[in-house]
Amino acid sequence: MALGTSSRTADGPFVLLISDRPSERTALERAIALVMDCRAVAAGSSVPPGRPLLIILDLPPSQVEALEPALTFRGRPVPRLVLVRGEPAKPLPHMRQLPAAAPRQVILANVFAMIEAVTRSVETRRRKLVGRVSDATAIVSELFDSAALGAGLQRADVERGTELVLTAVSESGIMDWLAEVWRHDIGVYQHTLGVAGHAASFGAQIGLSRIDLARLVRAALLHDIGKSRIPSEILNKPGHLDPEELRLMQRHPVIGADLLRAQGTFEDEVIEVVLHHHERLDGTGYPNRLRGTAISDLVRIVAICDVFSALTERRAYRKPASPAEALAIMVDGSGHLDPDLLRVFAPVMLGGDALAA
């Protein structure tokens, strides 16, 4: 993307400039604003919302260090230019340093070069994300079609889908993953990819090992595979199900677990998630009315991701809940979901950008 005023929009990319030198702050803000939206704040002021494309810090070393927690956006470092006073800080991959006394022309040349480089990187990551969502959607579609026809599921497809989700969420974050997934009206596949994305993000947040994280995402990708055998008029009904329709719908965990068990290539832990992701801690879930310690940690995690995804997705018969509204509903359903896991899940979801509506 070429530099220019066309890149400046109210909700578009922006440069965050934090400086304790008013005249330098004003001069840099004016110059950068010719190229990209620049939001300049004084030292000690609150950081504006949103993830900046680039951060410029014109502060004493102690203030730069103190600001670090506030400038971490969902675990991903933002490229930054530090105007150094005194000794340079320890170099970091995402940081460039210049003497604060450098000529303004030199500083601006570095700022514009970083904007150009970061913009190119963002566009590359965006293209990769679009491709990964497209590929993952095709894989989930193939898995559901194979299950509906009674054909075996290809374990290699499941592994490929798992890796696509893990890589995309790790590189782009859960919010960008969901935004791209929700650009497509793909029904049950959309929900499956949403749950898998949340599982990848949540599992990484609580420190699961790479093996356990892959198992969790694999289970999330397959959790609703039993719906492949449920009539589409029930799956897509834009209103409440009648008792017989509800009975059929509530069979999908058993159908899915039987399907995976018969194939003989999937772990017991994954089959357990497929069978029990609608169980609730107080015993009010289905199909086996399990309660408490009878419900494994993996099932508890997927259950939280499943409920949150369902509440925040667009549906024909209702608007999506906001993250805050969804979490309020989940917390209010006392006894249904694991409270300790919910306490970890809530700030992760509330700390990001708003979900797509």
Protein backbone atom coordinates (compact mmCIF):
# COMPACT_ATOMS: atom_id res chain seq x y z
CA MET A 1 0.00 0.00 0.00
CA ALA A 2 1.52 3.32 -1.03
CA LEU A 3 1.82 6.10 1.50
CA GLY A 4 -0.72 8.86 1.17
CA THR A 5 -3.71 10.60 2.64
CA SER A 6 -6.06 7.89 1.33
CA SER A 7 -4.87 5.69 4.19
CA ARG A 8 -6.36 8.02 6.79
CA THR A 9 -9.84 7.02 7.98
CA ALA A 10 -11.59 7.41 11.30
CA ASP A 11 -11.47 3.68 11.97
CA GLY A 12 -8.39 2.90 9.91
CA PRO A 13 -4.76 2.36 10.84
CA PHE A 14 -3.08 4.96 13.01
CA VAL A 15 0.24 5.88 14.57
CA LEU A 16 0.33 6.38 18.34
CA LEU A 17 2.78 9.08 19.48
CA ILE A 18 3.49 9.51 23.20
CA SER A 19 5.77 12.40 24.10
CA ASP A 20 6.53 14.62 27.07
CA ARG A 21 7.85 17.40 24.80
CA PRO A 22 4.82 19.47 23.67
CA SER A 23 6.47 21.32 20.78
CA GLU A 24 8.15 18.18 19.37
CA ARG A 25 4.91 16.23 19.81
CA THR A 26 2.93 18.82 17.85
CA ALA A 27 5.49 19.03 15.06
CA LEU A 28 5.75 15.25 14.64
CA GLU A 29 1.97 14.82 14.79
CA ARG A 30 1.43 17.38 12.02
CA ALA A 31 4.03 15.79 9.75
CA ILE A 32 2.91 12.18 10.30
CA ALA A 33 -0.76 13.15 9.80
CA LEU A 34 0.07 14.01 6.18
CA VAL A 35 0.67 10.30 5.64
CA MET A 36 -1.45 8.48 8.23
CA ASP A 37 -3.79 9.26 11.11
CA CYS A 38 -1.61 10.17 14.10
CA ARG A 39 -2.96 10.16 17.65
CA ALA A 40 -0.58 12.10 19.85
CA VAL A 41 -0.88 12.07 23.65
CA ALA A 42 1.13 13.62 26.44
CA ALA A 43 3.09 11.52 28.88
CA GLY A 44 0.80 10.24 31.62
CA SER A 45 -2.35 10.49 29.49
CA SER A 46 -4.50 7.44 28.81
CA VAL A 47 -3.70 5.45 25.68
CA PRO A 48 -6.44 5.76 23.01
CA PRO A 49 -8.41 2.60 22.20
CA GLY A 50 -7.55 0.33 19.31
CA ARG A 51 -4.37 -1.34 18.13
CA PRO A 52 -1.98 1.14 16.49
CA LEU A 53 0.03 0.28 13.41
CA LEU A 54 3.13 1.88 14.94
CA ILE A 55 4.05 3.40 18.31
CA ILE A 56 6.51 6.29 18.72
CA LEU A 57 7.83 6.85 22.25
CA ASP A 58 9.52 10.17 23.00
CA LEU A 59 9.98 9.73 26.75
CA PRO A 60 12.65 9.22 29.42
CA PRO A 61 13.81 5.57 29.73
CA SER A 62 11.96 4.99 33.02
CA GLN A 63 8.64 6.04 31.45
CA VAL A 64 9.21 3.88 28.37
CA GLU A 65 9.69 0.84 30.60
CA ALA A 66 6.66 1.67 32.77
CA LEU A 67 4.42 1.98 29.69
CA GLU A 68 5.24 -1.48 28.33
CA PRO A 69 2.25 -3.33 29.91
CA ALA A 70 -0.20 -0.75 28.53
CA LEU A 71 1.26 -1.11 25.04
CA THR A 72 0.86 -4.89 24.76
CA PHE A 73 -2.17 -5.60 22.60
CA ARG A 74 -3.47 -9.14 23.10
CA GLY A 75 0.06 -10.51 23.42
CA ARG A 76 1.25 -9.27 20.02
CA PRO A 77 3.98 -6.59 20.10
CA VAL A 78 3.33 -3.45 18.10
CA PRO A 79 6.31 -2.14 16.10
CA ARG A 80 7.74 0.91 17.78
CA LEU A 81 10.26 3.69 17.35
CA VAL A 82 11.92 4.87 20.56
CA LEU A 83 13.58 8.28 20.61
CA VAL A 84 16.40 7.53 23.00
CA ARG A 85 17.65 9.83 25.71
CA GLY A 86 20.87 8.48 27.18
CA GLU A 87 21.81 4.83 26.77
CA PRO A 88 19.80 2.78 24.23
CA ALA A 89 17.53 0.07 25.62
CA LYS A 90 18.13 -3.62 25.02
CA PRO A 91 17.25 -4.18 21.34
CA LEU A 92 14.04 -6.04 20.55
CA PRO A 93 12.87 -7.46 17.20
CA HIS A 94 9.90 -5.07 17.00
CA MET A 95 11.81 -1.96 18.14
CA ARG A 96 13.90 0.65 16.30
CA GLN A 97 15.84 3.27 18.29
CA LEU A 98 17.08 6.74 17.32
CA PRO A 99 18.65 9.49 19.41
CA ALA A 100 15.98 11.94 20.56
CA ALA A 101 18.30 14.72 19.41
CA ALA A 102 18.38 13.44 15.81
CA PRO A 103 17.19 15.94 13.18
CA ARG A 104 13.43 15.83 12.71
CA GLN A 105 13.92 14.95 9.03
CA VAL A 106 15.84 11.80 10.05
CA ILE A 107 13.15 10.84 12.56
CA LEU A 108 10.37 11.31 10.01
CA ALA A 109 12.25 9.32 7.37
CA ASN A 110 12.44 6.42 9.82
CA VAL A 111 8.76 6.78 10.77
CA PHE A 112 7.63 6.71 7.12
CA ALA A 113 9.88 3.75 6.32
CA MET A 114 8.42 1.82 9.29
CA ILE A 115 4.86 2.68 8.25
CA GLU A 116 5.58 1.37 4.75
CA ALA A 117 7.16 -1.85 6.08
CA VAL A 118 4.45 -2.53 8.67
CA THR A 119 1.67 -1.83 6.15
CA ARG A 120 3.22 -4.34 3.76
CA SER A 121 3.47 -6.88 6.58
CA VAL A 122 -0.16 -6.32 7.62
CA GLU A 123 -1.38 -6.80 4.06
CA THR A 124 0.67 -10.00 3.72
CA ARG A 125 -0.74 -11.33 6.99
CA ARG A 126 -4.24 -10.40 5.85
CA ARG A 127 -3.85 -12.34 2.60
CA LYS A 128 -2.57 -15.35 4.53
CA LEU A 129 -5.50 -15.15 6.95
CA VAL A 130 -8.05 -15.03 4.12
CA GLY A 131 -6.42 -18.08 2.54
CA ARG A 132 -6.33 -20.01 5.80
CA VAL A 133 -9.99 -19.31 6.59
CA SER A 134 -10.93 -20.36 3.06
CA ASP A 135 -8.90 -23.56 3.34
CA ALA A 136 -10.24 -24.36 6.82
CA THR A 137 -13.82 -23.78 5.63
CA ALA A 138 -13.28 -26.19 2.73
CA ILE A 139 -11.89 -28.81 5.10
CA VAL A 140 -14.79 -28.50 7.57
CA SER A 141 -17.26 -28.66 4.68
CA GLU A 142 -15.59 -31.83 3.38
CA LEU A 143 -15.62 -33.40 6.86
CA PHE A 144 -19.34 -32.71 7.32
CA ASP A 145 -20.17 -33.93 3.81
CA SER A 146 -18.21 -37.16 4.35
CA ALA A 147 -19.90 -37.74 7.71
CA ALA A 148 -23.35 -37.10 6.21
CA LEU A 149 -22.71 -39.66 3.46
CA GLY A 150 -21.35 -42.26 5.87
CA ALA A 151 -17.83 -42.05 4.44
CA GLY A 152 -14.78 -42.08 6.70
CA LEU A 153 -13.26 -38.83 7.91
CA GLN A 154 -9.74 -38.24 6.67
CA ARG A 155 -7.50 -37.82 9.72
CA ALA A 156 -5.05 -35.85 7.55
CA ASP A 157 -7.82 -33.32 6.80
CA VAL A 158 -8.53 -32.90 10.51
CA GLU A 159 -4.83 -32.38 11.23
CA ARG A 160 -4.54 -29.86 8.41
CA GLY A 161 -7.59 -27.97 9.66
CA THR A 162 -6.19 -27.95 13.19
CA GLU A 163 -2.88 -26.52 12.01
CA LEU A 164 -4.64 -23.84 9.93
CA VAL A 165 -6.62 -22.64 12.95
CA LEU A 166 -3.62 -22.69 15.30
CA THR A 167 -1.39 -20.80 12.87
CA ALA A 168 -4.00 -18.20 11.91
CA VAL A 169 -5.07 -17.42 15.48
CA SER A 170 -1.45 -17.29 16.65
CA GLU A 171 -0.41 -14.90 13.86
CA SER A 172 -3.53 -12.74 13.49
CA GLY A 173 -5.36 -13.07 16.82
CA ILE A 174 -8.84 -14.36 17.60
CA MET A 175 -10.65 -11.15 16.62
CA ASP A 176 -9.21 -11.05 13.11
CA TRP A 177 -9.92 -14.79 12.74
CA LEU A 178 -13.57 -14.30 13.74
CA ALA A 179 -13.99 -11.22 11.54
CA GLU A 180 -12.84 -13.20 8.51
CA VAL A 181 -14.89 -16.29 9.42
CA TRP A 182 -18.00 -14.13 9.86
CA ARG A 183 -17.58 -12.53 6.44
CA HIS A 184 -19.04 -15.74 5.03
CA ASP A 185 -22.54 -17.09 5.62
CA ILE A 186 -21.58 -20.71 6.20
CA GLY A 187 -23.94 -21.79 8.98
CA VAL A 188 -22.73 -24.71 11.06
CA TYR A 189 -19.25 -24.46 9.50
CA GLN A 190 -19.01 -20.86 10.70
CA HIS A 191 -19.87 -21.95 14.24
CA THR A 192 -17.35 -24.80 14.08
CA LEU A 193 -14.56 -22.45 12.99
CA GLY A 194 -15.57 -19.91 15.64
CA VAL A 195 -15.42 -22.50 18.42
CA ALA A 196 -12.09 -23.82 17.13
CA GLY A 197 -10.67 -20.28 17.04
CA HIS A 198 -11.80 -19.55 20.59
CA ALA A 199 -10.34 -22.89 21.72
CA ALA A 200 -6.98 -22.04 20.12
CA SER A 201 -6.90 -18.61 21.76
CA PHE A 202 -8.13 -19.78 25.16
CA GLY A 203 -5.88 -22.83 25.25
CA ALA A 204 -2.83 -20.71 24.49
CA GLN A 205 -3.89 -18.21 27.17
CA ILE A 206 -3.99 -20.89 29.90
CA GLY A 207 -0.64 -22.30 28.84
CA LEU A 208 -1.54 -25.65 27.27
CA SER A 209 1.35 -27.53 25.72
CA ARG A 210 1.53 -27.67 21.92
CA ILE A 211 0.28 -31.28 21.95
CA ASP A 212 -2.64 -30.52 24.28
CA LEU A 213 -3.49 -27.35 22.36
CA ALA A 214 -3.64 -29.26 19.08
CA ARG A 215 -5.84 -31.92 20.70
CA LEU A 216 -8.17 -29.21 22.03
CA VAL A 217 -8.53 -27.53 18.62
CA ARG A 218 -9.00 -30.90 16.92
CA ALA A 219 -11.81 -31.67 19.35
CA ALA A 220 -13.36 -28.24 18.74
CA LEU A 221 -13.29 -28.77 14.97
CA LEU A 222 -15.16 -32.06 15.41
CA HIS A 223 -17.43 -31.19 18.34
CA ASP A 224 -20.56 -30.75 16.18
CA ILE A 225 -19.78 -33.39 13.53
CA GLY A 226 -22.93 -35.27 14.61
CA LYS A 227 -25.00 -32.39 13.17
CA SER A 228 -24.04 -33.69 9.74
CA ARG A 229 -26.76 -36.33 10.27
CA ILE A 230 -29.42 -33.88 11.53
CA PRO A 231 -31.94 -32.66 8.88
CA SER A 232 -31.07 -29.20 7.59
CA GLU A 233 -34.62 -27.95 8.19
CA ILE A 234 -34.03 -28.55 11.91
CA LEU A 235 -30.52 -27.10 11.94
CA ASN A 236 -31.63 -23.95 10.11
CA LYS A 237 -35.07 -23.50 11.64
CA PRO A 238 -35.46 -19.77 12.45
CA GLY A 239 -37.34 -20.31 15.69
CA HIS A 240 -37.89 -22.67 18.60
CA LEU A 241 -37.75 -26.40 17.94
CA ASP A 242 -40.79 -28.50 18.79
CA PRO A 243 -40.27 -31.41 21.26
CA GLU A 244 -39.56 -34.00 18.55
CA GLU A 245 -37.16 -31.69 16.70
CA LEU A 246 -35.40 -30.92 19.97
CA ARG A 247 -35.07 -34.65 20.71
CA LEU A 248 -33.43 -35.17 17.32
CA MET A 249 -31.14 -32.17 17.73
CA GLN A 250 -29.98 -33.36 21.14
CA ARG A 251 -28.87 -36.62 19.58
CA HIS A 252 -26.03 -34.97 17.68
CA PRO A 253 -23.37 -35.52 20.39
CA VAL A 254 -24.11 -39.28 20.48
CA ILE A 255 -24.20 -39.49 16.67
CA GLY A 256 -20.86 -37.68 16.41
CA ALA A 257 -19.17 -39.76 19.09
CA ASP A 258 -20.41 -43.01 17.54
CA LEU A 259 -19.13 -41.89 14.16
CA LEU A 260 -15.62 -41.13 15.47
CA ARG A 261 -15.53 -44.25 17.64
CA ALA A 262 -16.45 -46.46 14.69
CA GLN A 263 -13.64 -44.99 12.64
CA GLY A 264 -11.04 -45.93 15.27
CA THR A 265 -8.51 -43.18 14.44
CA PHE A 266 -9.45 -40.49 16.97
CA GLU A 267 -8.32 -40.16 20.59
CA ASP A 268 -10.69 -40.95 23.45
CA GLU A 269 -10.30 -37.35 24.69
CA VAL A 270 -11.59 -35.97 21.38
CA ILE A 271 -14.52 -38.40 21.33
CA GLU A 272 -15.31 -37.39 24.91
CA VAL A 273 -15.54 -33.72 23.87
CA VAL A 274 -17.85 -34.59 20.97
CA LEU A 275 -20.09 -36.65 23.27
CA HIS A 276 -20.17 -34.38 26.31
CA HIS A 277 -19.77 -30.74 25.15
CA HIS A 278 -23.43 -30.08 26.12
CA GLU A 279 -23.06 -31.50 29.64
CA ARG A 280 -23.28 -28.99 32.48
CA LEU A 281 -21.60 -29.05 35.89
CA ASP A 282 -24.95 -29.08 37.73
CA GLY A 283 -26.16 -32.15 35.82
CA THR A 284 -28.71 -30.34 33.64
CA GLY A 285 -26.93 -31.02 30.34
CA TYR A 286 -27.20 -33.86 27.84
CA PRO A 287 -26.92 -36.63 26.75
CA ASN A 288 -25.82 -38.28 30.03
CA ARG A 289 -26.57 -35.60 32.63
CA LEU A 290 -23.00 -35.75 33.90
CA ARG A 291 -22.09 -33.46 36.74
CA GLY A 292 -19.04 -32.05 38.49
CA THR A 293 -15.80 -34.02 38.28
CA ALA A 294 -17.31 -36.44 35.75
CA ILE A 295 -16.79 -33.70 33.14
CA SER A 296 -13.17 -33.44 31.95
CA ASP A 297 -11.20 -30.21 31.64
CA LEU A 298 -11.07 -30.49 27.84
CA VAL A 299 -14.87 -30.79 27.70
CA ARG A 300 -15.24 -27.81 30.07
CA ILE A 301 -13.06 -25.61 27.86
CA VAL A 302 -14.90 -26.52 24.65
CA ALA A 303 -18.26 -26.03 26.40
CA ILE A 304 -17.30 -22.44 27.29
CA CYS A 305 -16.07 -21.73 23.74
CA ASP A 306 -19.21 -23.34 22.29
CA VAL A 307 -21.64 -21.28 24.40
CA PHE A 308 -19.75 -18.01 23.86
CA SER A 309 -19.56 -18.59 20.11
CA ALA A 310 -23.27 -19.43 19.87
CA LEU A 311 -24.27 -16.30 21.78
CA THR A 312 -22.08 -13.91 19.77
CA GLU A 313 -22.83 -15.29 16.29
CA ARG A 314 -25.34 -13.85 13.87
CA ARG A 315 -28.46 -15.98 13.66
CA ALA A 316 -31.50 -15.59 11.39
CA TYR A 317 -33.79 -15.27 14.40
CA ARG A 318 -31.76 -12.93 16.64
CA LYS A 319 -28.98 -10.38 16.76
CA PRO A 320 -25.60 -11.44 18.18
CA ALA A 321 -24.88 -10.63 21.80
CA SER A 322 -21.90 -8.41 22.51
CA PRO A 323 -18.97 -10.09 24.32
CA ALA A 324 -20.02 -8.39 27.57
CA GLU A 325 -23.65 -9.50 27.17
CA ALA A 326 -22.62 -13.06 26.33
CA LEU A 327 -20.31 -13.30 29.32
CA ALA A 328 -23.03 -11.89 31.60
CA ILE A 329 -25.40 -14.64 30.42
CA MET A 330 -22.72 -17.29 30.96
CA VAL A 331 -21.79 -16.07 34.43
CA ASP A 332 -25.45 -15.75 35.38
CA GLY A 333 -26.03 -19.40 34.44
CA SER A 334 -24.46 -20.34 37.75
CA GLY A 335 -23.53 -23.99 38.03
CA HIS A 336 -23.50 -24.68 34.29
CA LEU A 337 -19.94 -23.79 33.30
CA ASP A 338 -16.61 -24.04 35.11
CA PRO A 339 -16.30 -20.79 37.14
CA ASP A 340 -12.49 -20.90 37.36
CA LEU A 341 -12.12 -21.26 33.60
CA LEU A 342 -14.74 -18.56 33.04
CA ARG A 343 -12.71 -16.17 35.19
CA VAL A 344 -9.75 -16.66 32.85
CA PHE A 345 -11.85 -16.61 29.68
CA ALA A 346 -13.76 -13.39 30.47
CA PRO A 347 -10.91 -10.84 30.45
CA VAL A 348 -9.43 -12.44 27.32
CA MET A 349 -12.68 -11.81 25.44
CA LEU A 350 -13.38 -8.39 26.95
CA GLY A 351 -9.82 -7.18 26.34
CA GLY A 352 -10.02 -7.33 22.55
CA ASP A 353 -11.76 -5.36 19.89
CA ALA A 354 -15.54 -5.66 19.54
CA LEU A 355 -16.69 -8.79 17.79
CA ALA A 356 -18.28 -8.45 14.37
CA ALA A 357 -21.99 -7.67 14.46
